[in-house]
């Protein structure tokens, strides 16, 4: 595995500011830097992309089909309703690991269902920023099977 896409959806650009008691005090930029360094230690390049726009995320997933060996994806609120993103993941052959900073199953009722999870190789939730590193490990393990 040579190249991973770290993809973050809507409002994740507000990490560190938005509900720090739920999402932590780390910024998205600091998380991206940590995951990139973690990947580099394992011989993997990590490219980072965040958007608040569903279409931009879909386009990036389509690009991942040929440009990346795996995707670490925090879809944010799109988790619960975006069948368009679900279909984008389902249409590419690139493995995707869904990540959530908080435990979505322990939150409000509407946050407990992921329409994204069934087309991902794994879902990691409730581990804060460490979940992103665990997702990278999952992708590396897949390659070694």
N, C-alpha and C. Protein backbone atom coordinates (compact mmCIF):
# COMPACT_ATOMS: atom_id res chain seq x y z
N UNK A 1 0.87 -1.17 0.00
CA UNK A 1 0.00 0.00 0.00
C UNK A 1 0.91 1.23 0.00
N UNK A 2 0.73 2.07 -1.00
CA UNK A 2 1.62 3.22 -1.15
C UNK A 2 0.97 4.56 -0.86
N UNK A 3 -0.33 4.68 -1.15
CA UNK A 3 -0.97 5.99 -1.08
C UNK A 3 -2.38 5.87 -0.51
N UNK A 4 -2.64 6.66 0.53
CA UNK A 4 -3.93 6.66 1.22
C UNK A 4 -4.54 8.06 1.13
N UNK A 5 -5.85 8.10 0.96
CA UNK A 5 -6.59 9.35 1.01
C UNK A 5 -7.25 9.47 2.37
N UNK A 6 -6.98 10.56 3.07
CA UNK A 6 -7.67 10.88 4.33
C UNK A 6 -8.73 11.91 3.98
N UNK A 7 -9.98 11.49 4.01
CA UNK A 7 -11.10 12.29 3.54
C UNK A 7 -11.98 12.67 4.72
N UNK A 8 -12.31 13.94 4.83
CA UNK A 8 -13.17 14.42 5.91
C UNK A 8 -14.31 15.25 5.33
N UNK A 9 -15.50 15.01 5.86
CA UNK A 9 -16.69 15.65 5.35
C UNK A 9 -17.06 16.94 6.07
N UNK A 10 -18.34 17.30 6.00
CA UNK A 10 -18.81 18.61 6.45
C UNK A 10 -18.57 18.88 7.93
N UNK A 11 -18.18 20.11 8.19
CA UNK A 11 -17.98 20.68 9.52
C UNK A 11 -16.73 20.18 10.24
N UNK A 12 -16.02 19.23 9.64
CA UNK A 12 -14.81 18.74 10.30
C UNK A 12 -13.68 19.76 10.22
N UNK A 13 -13.81 20.74 9.35
CA UNK A 13 -12.86 21.84 9.33
C UNK A 13 -12.98 22.71 10.60
N UNK A 14 -14.03 22.50 11.37
CA UNK A 14 -14.26 23.26 12.60
C UNK A 14 -13.80 22.51 13.85
N UNK A 15 -13.09 21.39 13.67
CA UNK A 15 -12.58 20.67 14.83
C UNK A 15 -11.70 21.58 15.67
N UNK A 16 -11.78 21.40 16.97
CA UNK A 16 -11.06 22.25 17.90
C UNK A 16 -11.90 23.41 18.38
N UNK A 17 -12.90 23.78 17.58
CA UNK A 17 -13.83 24.86 17.91
C UNK A 17 -15.21 24.30 18.18
N UNK A 18 -15.66 23.42 17.33
CA UNK A 18 -17.01 22.85 17.39
C UNK A 18 -17.10 21.78 18.48
N UNK A 19 -17.93 22.00 19.46
CA UNK A 19 -18.22 21.04 20.52
C UNK A 19 -16.99 20.24 20.95
N UNK A 20 -15.99 20.90 21.53
CA UNK A 20 -14.77 20.18 21.92
C UNK A 20 -15.01 19.07 22.94
N UNK A 21 -16.09 19.18 23.71
CA UNK A 21 -16.42 18.12 24.68
C UNK A 21 -16.85 16.83 23.97
N UNK A 22 -17.26 16.93 22.73
CA UNK A 22 -17.65 15.76 21.95
C UNK A 22 -16.53 15.33 21.01
N UNK A 23 -15.94 16.31 20.31
CA UNK A 23 -15.00 16.02 19.23
C UNK A 23 -13.53 16.23 19.61
N UNK A 24 -13.27 16.76 20.78
CA UNK A 24 -11.90 17.00 21.20
C UNK A 24 -11.43 18.40 20.84
N UNK A 25 -10.23 18.71 21.25
CA UNK A 25 -9.67 20.05 21.05
C UNK A 25 -8.67 20.11 19.89
N UNK A 26 -8.35 18.95 19.32
CA UNK A 26 -7.43 18.94 18.19
C UNK A 26 -8.09 19.52 16.95
N UNK A 27 -7.31 20.27 16.18
CA UNK A 27 -7.82 20.79 14.91
C UNK A 27 -7.69 19.71 13.84
N UNK A 28 -8.41 19.90 12.76
CA UNK A 28 -8.30 18.97 11.64
C UNK A 28 -6.87 18.97 11.11
N UNK A 29 -6.27 20.14 11.03
CA UNK A 29 -4.90 20.23 10.52
C UNK A 29 -3.93 19.42 11.37
N UNK A 30 -4.09 19.46 12.69
CA UNK A 30 -3.18 18.70 13.55
C UNK A 30 -3.42 17.20 13.42
N UNK A 31 -4.67 16.81 13.27
CA UNK A 31 -4.98 15.39 13.06
C UNK A 31 -4.40 14.92 11.73
N UNK A 32 -4.58 15.72 10.69
CA UNK A 32 -4.03 15.36 9.38
C UNK A 32 -2.51 15.20 9.45
N UNK A 33 -1.85 16.10 10.16
CA UNK A 33 -0.39 16.03 10.29
C UNK A 33 0.03 14.76 11.04
N UNK A 34 -0.70 14.41 12.10
CA UNK A 34 -0.38 13.20 12.86
C UNK A 34 -0.58 11.95 12.01
N UNK A 35 -1.68 11.89 11.29
CA UNK A 35 -1.95 10.71 10.46
C UNK A 35 -0.95 10.62 9.32
N UNK A 36 -0.59 11.75 8.74
CA UNK A 36 0.42 11.76 7.67
C UNK A 36 1.76 11.26 8.18
N UNK A 37 2.16 11.70 9.37
CA UNK A 37 3.42 11.24 9.97
C UNK A 37 3.35 9.75 10.30
N UNK A 38 2.23 9.31 10.81
CA UNK A 38 2.01 7.90 11.13
C UNK A 38 2.12 7.05 9.86
N UNK A 39 1.53 7.53 8.78
CA UNK A 39 1.63 6.83 7.50
C UNK A 39 3.06 6.79 7.00
N UNK A 40 3.76 7.91 7.09
CA UNK A 40 5.15 7.99 6.62
C UNK A 40 6.03 6.98 7.37
N UNK A 41 5.78 6.81 8.67
CA UNK A 41 6.53 5.82 9.46
C UNK A 41 6.32 4.41 8.93
N UNK A 42 5.21 4.19 8.26
CA UNK A 42 4.85 2.88 7.73
C UNK A 42 5.05 2.79 6.21
N UNK A 43 5.69 3.81 5.65
CA UNK A 43 5.99 3.80 4.22
C UNK A 43 4.80 4.13 3.33
N UNK A 44 3.83 4.84 3.89
CA UNK A 44 2.61 5.17 3.17
C UNK A 44 2.46 6.69 3.07
N UNK A 45 2.20 7.20 1.89
CA UNK A 45 1.90 8.62 1.70
C UNK A 45 0.42 8.84 1.98
N UNK A 46 0.12 9.89 2.72
CA UNK A 46 -1.27 10.22 3.05
C UNK A 46 -1.59 11.59 2.47
N UNK A 47 -2.58 11.63 1.59
CA UNK A 47 -3.09 12.89 1.06
C UNK A 47 -4.37 13.23 1.81
N UNK A 48 -4.54 14.50 2.16
CA UNK A 48 -5.69 14.93 2.96
C UNK A 48 -6.61 15.83 2.14
N UNK A 49 -7.92 15.64 2.35
CA UNK A 49 -8.91 16.46 1.66
C UNK A 49 -10.13 16.58 2.57
N UNK A 50 -10.64 17.80 2.70
CA UNK A 50 -11.87 18.04 3.45
C UNK A 50 -12.77 18.93 2.62
N UNK A 51 -14.06 18.65 2.66
CA UNK A 51 -15.02 19.52 2.00
C UNK A 51 -16.34 19.50 2.75
N UNK A 52 -17.03 20.62 2.67
CA UNK A 52 -18.38 20.72 3.21
C UNK A 52 -19.41 20.44 2.13
N UNK A 53 -18.95 20.05 0.94
CA UNK A 53 -19.83 19.88 -0.21
C UNK A 53 -19.85 18.42 -0.68
N UNK A 54 -21.03 17.86 -0.71
CA UNK A 54 -21.20 16.45 -1.07
C UNK A 54 -20.60 16.11 -2.43
N UNK A 55 -20.83 16.96 -3.41
CA UNK A 55 -20.32 16.69 -4.76
C UNK A 55 -18.80 16.63 -4.81
N UNK A 56 -18.13 17.50 -4.07
CA UNK A 56 -16.67 17.49 -4.04
C UNK A 56 -16.15 16.20 -3.41
N UNK A 57 -16.85 15.72 -2.40
CA UNK A 57 -16.46 14.46 -1.75
C UNK A 57 -16.69 13.27 -2.69
N UNK A 58 -17.78 13.31 -3.43
CA UNK A 58 -18.05 12.25 -4.41
C UNK A 58 -16.97 12.25 -5.48
N UNK A 59 -16.63 13.41 -5.99
CA UNK A 59 -15.57 13.51 -7.00
C UNK A 59 -14.26 12.95 -6.47
N UNK A 60 -13.93 13.25 -5.22
CA UNK A 60 -12.68 12.77 -4.64
C UNK A 60 -12.72 11.24 -4.48
N UNK A 61 -13.85 10.70 -4.10
CA UNK A 61 -13.98 9.24 -4.01
C UNK A 61 -13.83 8.59 -5.38
N UNK A 62 -14.40 9.19 -6.40
CA UNK A 62 -14.24 8.66 -7.76
C UNK A 62 -12.76 8.67 -8.16
N UNK A 63 -12.07 9.74 -7.83
CA UNK A 63 -10.64 9.84 -8.10
C UNK A 63 -9.86 8.74 -7.36
N UNK A 64 -10.32 8.41 -6.17
CA UNK A 64 -9.63 7.39 -5.35
C UNK A 64 -9.61 6.03 -6.04
N UNK A 65 -10.55 5.80 -6.91
CA UNK A 65 -10.64 4.52 -7.62
C UNK A 65 -9.32 4.16 -8.30
N UNK A 66 -8.63 5.13 -8.87
CA UNK A 66 -7.37 4.84 -9.56
C UNK A 66 -6.16 5.51 -8.91
N UNK A 67 -6.37 6.49 -8.04
CA UNK A 67 -5.25 7.25 -7.50
C UNK A 67 -4.77 6.79 -6.12
N UNK A 68 -5.59 6.00 -5.42
CA UNK A 68 -5.26 5.63 -4.04
C UNK A 68 -5.46 4.14 -3.80
N UNK A 69 -4.71 3.64 -2.82
CA UNK A 69 -4.81 2.23 -2.43
C UNK A 69 -5.85 2.01 -1.35
N UNK A 70 -6.26 3.07 -0.67
CA UNK A 70 -7.25 2.99 0.39
C UNK A 70 -7.70 4.37 0.79
N UNK A 71 -8.84 4.41 1.49
CA UNK A 71 -9.41 5.68 1.93
C UNK A 71 -9.80 5.57 3.40
N UNK A 72 -9.39 6.55 4.18
CA UNK A 72 -9.87 6.75 5.55
C UNK A 72 -10.88 7.89 5.46
N UNK A 73 -12.12 7.63 5.87
CA UNK A 73 -13.18 8.60 5.59
C UNK A 73 -14.05 8.87 6.81
N UNK A 74 -14.07 10.13 7.23
CA UNK A 74 -15.02 10.58 8.23
C UNK A 74 -16.08 11.39 7.49
N UNK A 75 -17.24 10.79 7.23
CA UNK A 75 -18.26 11.48 6.44
C UNK A 75 -19.07 12.52 7.20
N UNK A 76 -18.80 12.69 8.51
CA UNK A 76 -19.55 13.67 9.27
C UNK A 76 -21.05 13.38 9.19
N UNK A 77 -21.85 14.41 9.11
CA UNK A 77 -23.30 14.25 9.08
C UNK A 77 -23.80 13.48 7.86
N UNK A 78 -23.01 13.44 6.80
CA UNK A 78 -23.42 12.65 5.62
C UNK A 78 -23.58 11.17 5.96
N UNK A 79 -22.97 10.74 7.04
CA UNK A 79 -23.05 9.35 7.49
C UNK A 79 -24.48 8.85 7.51
N UNK A 80 -25.38 9.71 7.93
CA UNK A 80 -26.71 9.29 8.30
C UNK A 80 -27.74 9.38 7.17
N UNK A 81 -27.35 10.00 6.05
CA UNK A 81 -28.37 10.17 5.01
C UNK A 81 -27.86 10.20 3.57
N UNK A 82 -26.56 10.22 3.35
CA UNK A 82 -26.09 10.42 1.99
C UNK A 82 -25.93 9.11 1.22
N UNK A 83 -27.00 8.76 0.55
CA UNK A 83 -26.94 7.58 -0.32
C UNK A 83 -26.07 7.84 -1.53
N UNK A 84 -25.91 9.11 -1.90
CA UNK A 84 -25.02 9.44 -3.02
C UNK A 84 -23.56 9.11 -2.66
N UNK A 85 -23.14 9.43 -1.44
CA UNK A 85 -21.79 9.07 -1.01
C UNK A 85 -21.65 7.56 -0.82
N UNK A 86 -22.69 6.95 -0.30
CA UNK A 86 -22.69 5.48 -0.18
C UNK A 86 -22.49 4.84 -1.54
N UNK A 87 -23.21 5.32 -2.52
CA UNK A 87 -23.09 4.78 -3.88
C UNK A 87 -21.71 5.04 -4.47
N UNK A 88 -21.13 6.20 -4.17
CA UNK A 88 -19.78 6.51 -4.66
C UNK A 88 -18.77 5.52 -4.09
N UNK A 89 -18.87 5.24 -2.80
CA UNK A 89 -17.97 4.26 -2.18
C UNK A 89 -18.20 2.88 -2.78
N UNK A 90 -19.46 2.53 -2.95
CA UNK A 90 -19.79 1.22 -3.51
C UNK A 90 -19.36 1.05 -4.95
N UNK A 91 -19.14 2.14 -5.65
CA UNK A 91 -18.81 2.04 -7.08
C UNK A 91 -17.31 1.96 -7.34
N UNK A 92 -16.50 2.17 -6.31
CA UNK A 92 -15.05 2.10 -6.51
C UNK A 92 -14.53 0.81 -5.89
N UNK A 93 -13.42 0.33 -6.38
CA UNK A 93 -12.83 -0.88 -5.85
C UNK A 93 -11.86 -0.62 -4.71
N UNK A 94 -11.70 0.61 -4.34
CA UNK A 94 -10.75 1.00 -3.31
C UNK A 94 -11.37 0.78 -1.92
N UNK A 95 -10.66 0.09 -1.02
CA UNK A 95 -11.22 -0.12 0.31
C UNK A 95 -11.33 1.19 1.10
N UNK A 96 -12.45 1.35 1.80
CA UNK A 96 -12.73 2.54 2.58
C UNK A 96 -13.02 2.13 4.02
N UNK A 97 -12.37 2.82 4.97
CA UNK A 97 -12.66 2.64 6.39
C UNK A 97 -13.36 3.90 6.87
N UNK A 98 -14.55 3.72 7.43
CA UNK A 98 -15.33 4.83 7.98
C UNK A 98 -14.85 5.12 9.40
N UNK A 99 -14.62 6.40 9.70
CA UNK A 99 -14.11 6.81 11.01
C UNK A 99 -15.01 7.89 11.60
N UNK A 100 -15.25 7.78 12.90
CA UNK A 100 -15.96 8.83 13.65
C UNK A 100 -15.22 9.09 14.94
N UNK A 101 -15.00 10.34 15.26
CA UNK A 101 -14.32 10.71 16.50
C UNK A 101 -15.12 10.28 17.72
N UNK A 102 -16.43 10.48 17.68
CA UNK A 102 -17.30 10.10 18.79
C UNK A 102 -17.95 8.75 18.49
N UNK A 103 -18.54 8.17 19.51
CA UNK A 103 -19.27 6.91 19.33
C UNK A 103 -20.68 7.26 18.87
N UNK A 104 -20.92 7.14 17.58
CA UNK A 104 -22.21 7.55 17.03
C UNK A 104 -23.37 6.73 17.60
N UNK A 105 -23.12 5.52 18.05
CA UNK A 105 -24.19 4.69 18.61
C UNK A 105 -24.60 5.13 20.01
N UNK A 106 -23.78 5.95 20.64
CA UNK A 106 -24.10 6.43 21.99
C UNK A 106 -24.62 7.86 21.98
N UNK A 107 -24.89 8.37 20.80
CA UNK A 107 -25.33 9.76 20.67
C UNK A 107 -26.82 9.83 20.35
N UNK A 108 -27.26 10.96 19.81
CA UNK A 108 -28.67 11.15 19.48
C UNK A 108 -29.14 10.04 18.53
N UNK A 109 -30.42 9.77 18.61
CA UNK A 109 -31.01 8.68 17.81
C UNK A 109 -30.67 8.81 16.32
N UNK A 110 -30.77 10.02 15.77
CA UNK A 110 -30.54 10.18 14.34
C UNK A 110 -29.09 9.92 13.93
N UNK A 111 -28.17 9.97 14.88
CA UNK A 111 -26.75 9.72 14.57
C UNK A 111 -26.37 8.25 14.64
N UNK A 112 -27.24 7.40 15.07
CA UNK A 112 -26.88 6.01 15.35
C UNK A 112 -26.81 5.12 14.12
N UNK A 113 -27.39 5.56 13.03
CA UNK A 113 -27.41 4.73 11.81
C UNK A 113 -26.47 5.32 10.79
N UNK A 114 -25.63 4.45 10.23
CA UNK A 114 -24.74 4.86 9.14
C UNK A 114 -25.20 4.17 7.86
N UNK A 115 -25.52 4.98 6.86
CA UNK A 115 -25.84 4.40 5.54
C UNK A 115 -24.55 4.12 4.78
N UNK A 116 -23.43 4.61 5.30
CA UNK A 116 -22.12 4.45 4.67
C UNK A 116 -21.48 3.10 5.05
N UNK A 117 -21.66 2.67 6.28
CA UNK A 117 -20.97 1.50 6.82
C UNK A 117 -21.08 0.23 5.97
N UNK A 118 -22.25 -0.08 5.39
CA UNK A 118 -22.35 -1.34 4.65
C UNK A 118 -21.42 -1.45 3.43
N UNK A 119 -20.92 -0.34 2.92
CA UNK A 119 -20.03 -0.40 1.75
C UNK A 119 -18.57 -0.15 2.14
N UNK A 120 -18.30 -0.09 3.43
CA UNK A 120 -16.93 0.10 3.91
C UNK A 120 -16.38 -1.22 4.43
N UNK A 121 -15.07 -1.34 4.46
CA UNK A 121 -14.43 -2.56 4.97
C UNK A 121 -14.42 -2.59 6.49
N UNK A 122 -14.56 -1.44 7.14
CA UNK A 122 -14.61 -1.36 8.60
C UNK A 122 -15.17 -0.02 9.01
N UNK A 123 -15.64 0.04 10.27
CA UNK A 123 -16.09 1.30 10.86
C UNK A 123 -15.41 1.42 12.22
N UNK A 124 -14.80 2.56 12.47
CA UNK A 124 -14.13 2.82 13.75
C UNK A 124 -14.79 4.05 14.34
N UNK A 125 -15.25 3.94 15.59
CA UNK A 125 -15.98 5.04 16.21
C UNK A 125 -15.62 5.15 17.68
N UNK A 126 -15.65 6.39 18.16
CA UNK A 126 -15.49 6.64 19.58
C UNK A 126 -14.07 6.58 20.10
N UNK A 127 -13.09 6.61 19.23
CA UNK A 127 -11.69 6.54 19.67
C UNK A 127 -10.96 7.86 19.46
N UNK A 128 -11.70 8.91 19.19
CA UNK A 128 -11.09 10.21 18.95
C UNK A 128 -10.15 10.15 17.76
N UNK A 129 -9.11 10.96 17.82
CA UNK A 129 -8.19 11.04 16.68
C UNK A 129 -7.43 9.74 16.46
N UNK A 130 -7.31 8.91 17.48
CA UNK A 130 -6.62 7.62 17.32
C UNK A 130 -7.35 6.71 16.34
N UNK A 131 -8.64 6.94 16.15
CA UNK A 131 -9.41 6.15 15.20
C UNK A 131 -8.88 6.26 13.78
N UNK A 132 -8.33 7.43 13.43
CA UNK A 132 -7.77 7.61 12.09
C UNK A 132 -6.53 6.73 11.90
N UNK A 133 -5.69 6.66 12.93
CA UNK A 133 -4.50 5.82 12.84
C UNK A 133 -4.89 4.35 12.80
N UNK A 134 -5.88 3.97 13.59
CA UNK A 134 -6.36 2.60 13.57
C UNK A 134 -6.90 2.25 12.18
N UNK A 135 -7.56 3.19 11.55
CA UNK A 135 -8.08 2.96 10.19
C UNK A 135 -6.94 2.71 9.21
N UNK A 136 -5.86 3.45 9.35
CA UNK A 136 -4.70 3.22 8.49
C UNK A 136 -4.16 1.81 8.72
N UNK A 137 -4.10 1.38 9.98
CA UNK A 137 -3.64 0.02 10.29
C UNK A 137 -4.56 -1.03 9.67
N UNK A 138 -5.87 -0.79 9.70
CA UNK A 138 -6.82 -1.72 9.08
C UNK A 138 -6.53 -1.85 7.59
N UNK A 139 -6.30 -0.74 6.94
CA UNK A 139 -6.01 -0.78 5.50
C UNK A 139 -4.70 -1.53 5.23
N UNK A 140 -3.70 -1.32 6.05
CA UNK A 140 -2.43 -2.04 5.88
C UNK A 140 -2.60 -3.53 6.12
N UNK A 141 -3.40 -3.90 7.11
CA UNK A 141 -3.67 -5.31 7.37
C UNK A 141 -4.39 -5.96 6.19
N UNK A 142 -5.31 -5.25 5.58
CA UNK A 142 -6.03 -5.79 4.42
C UNK A 142 -5.05 -6.15 3.30
N UNK A 143 -4.09 -5.28 3.10
CA UNK A 143 -3.12 -5.50 2.05
C UNK A 143 -2.27 -6.74 2.31
N UNK A 144 -2.02 -7.01 3.59
CA UNK A 144 -1.14 -8.12 3.96
C UNK A 144 -1.85 -9.46 4.06
N UNK A 145 -3.13 -9.49 3.79
CA UNK A 145 -3.87 -10.78 3.85
C UNK A 145 -3.68 -11.57 2.60
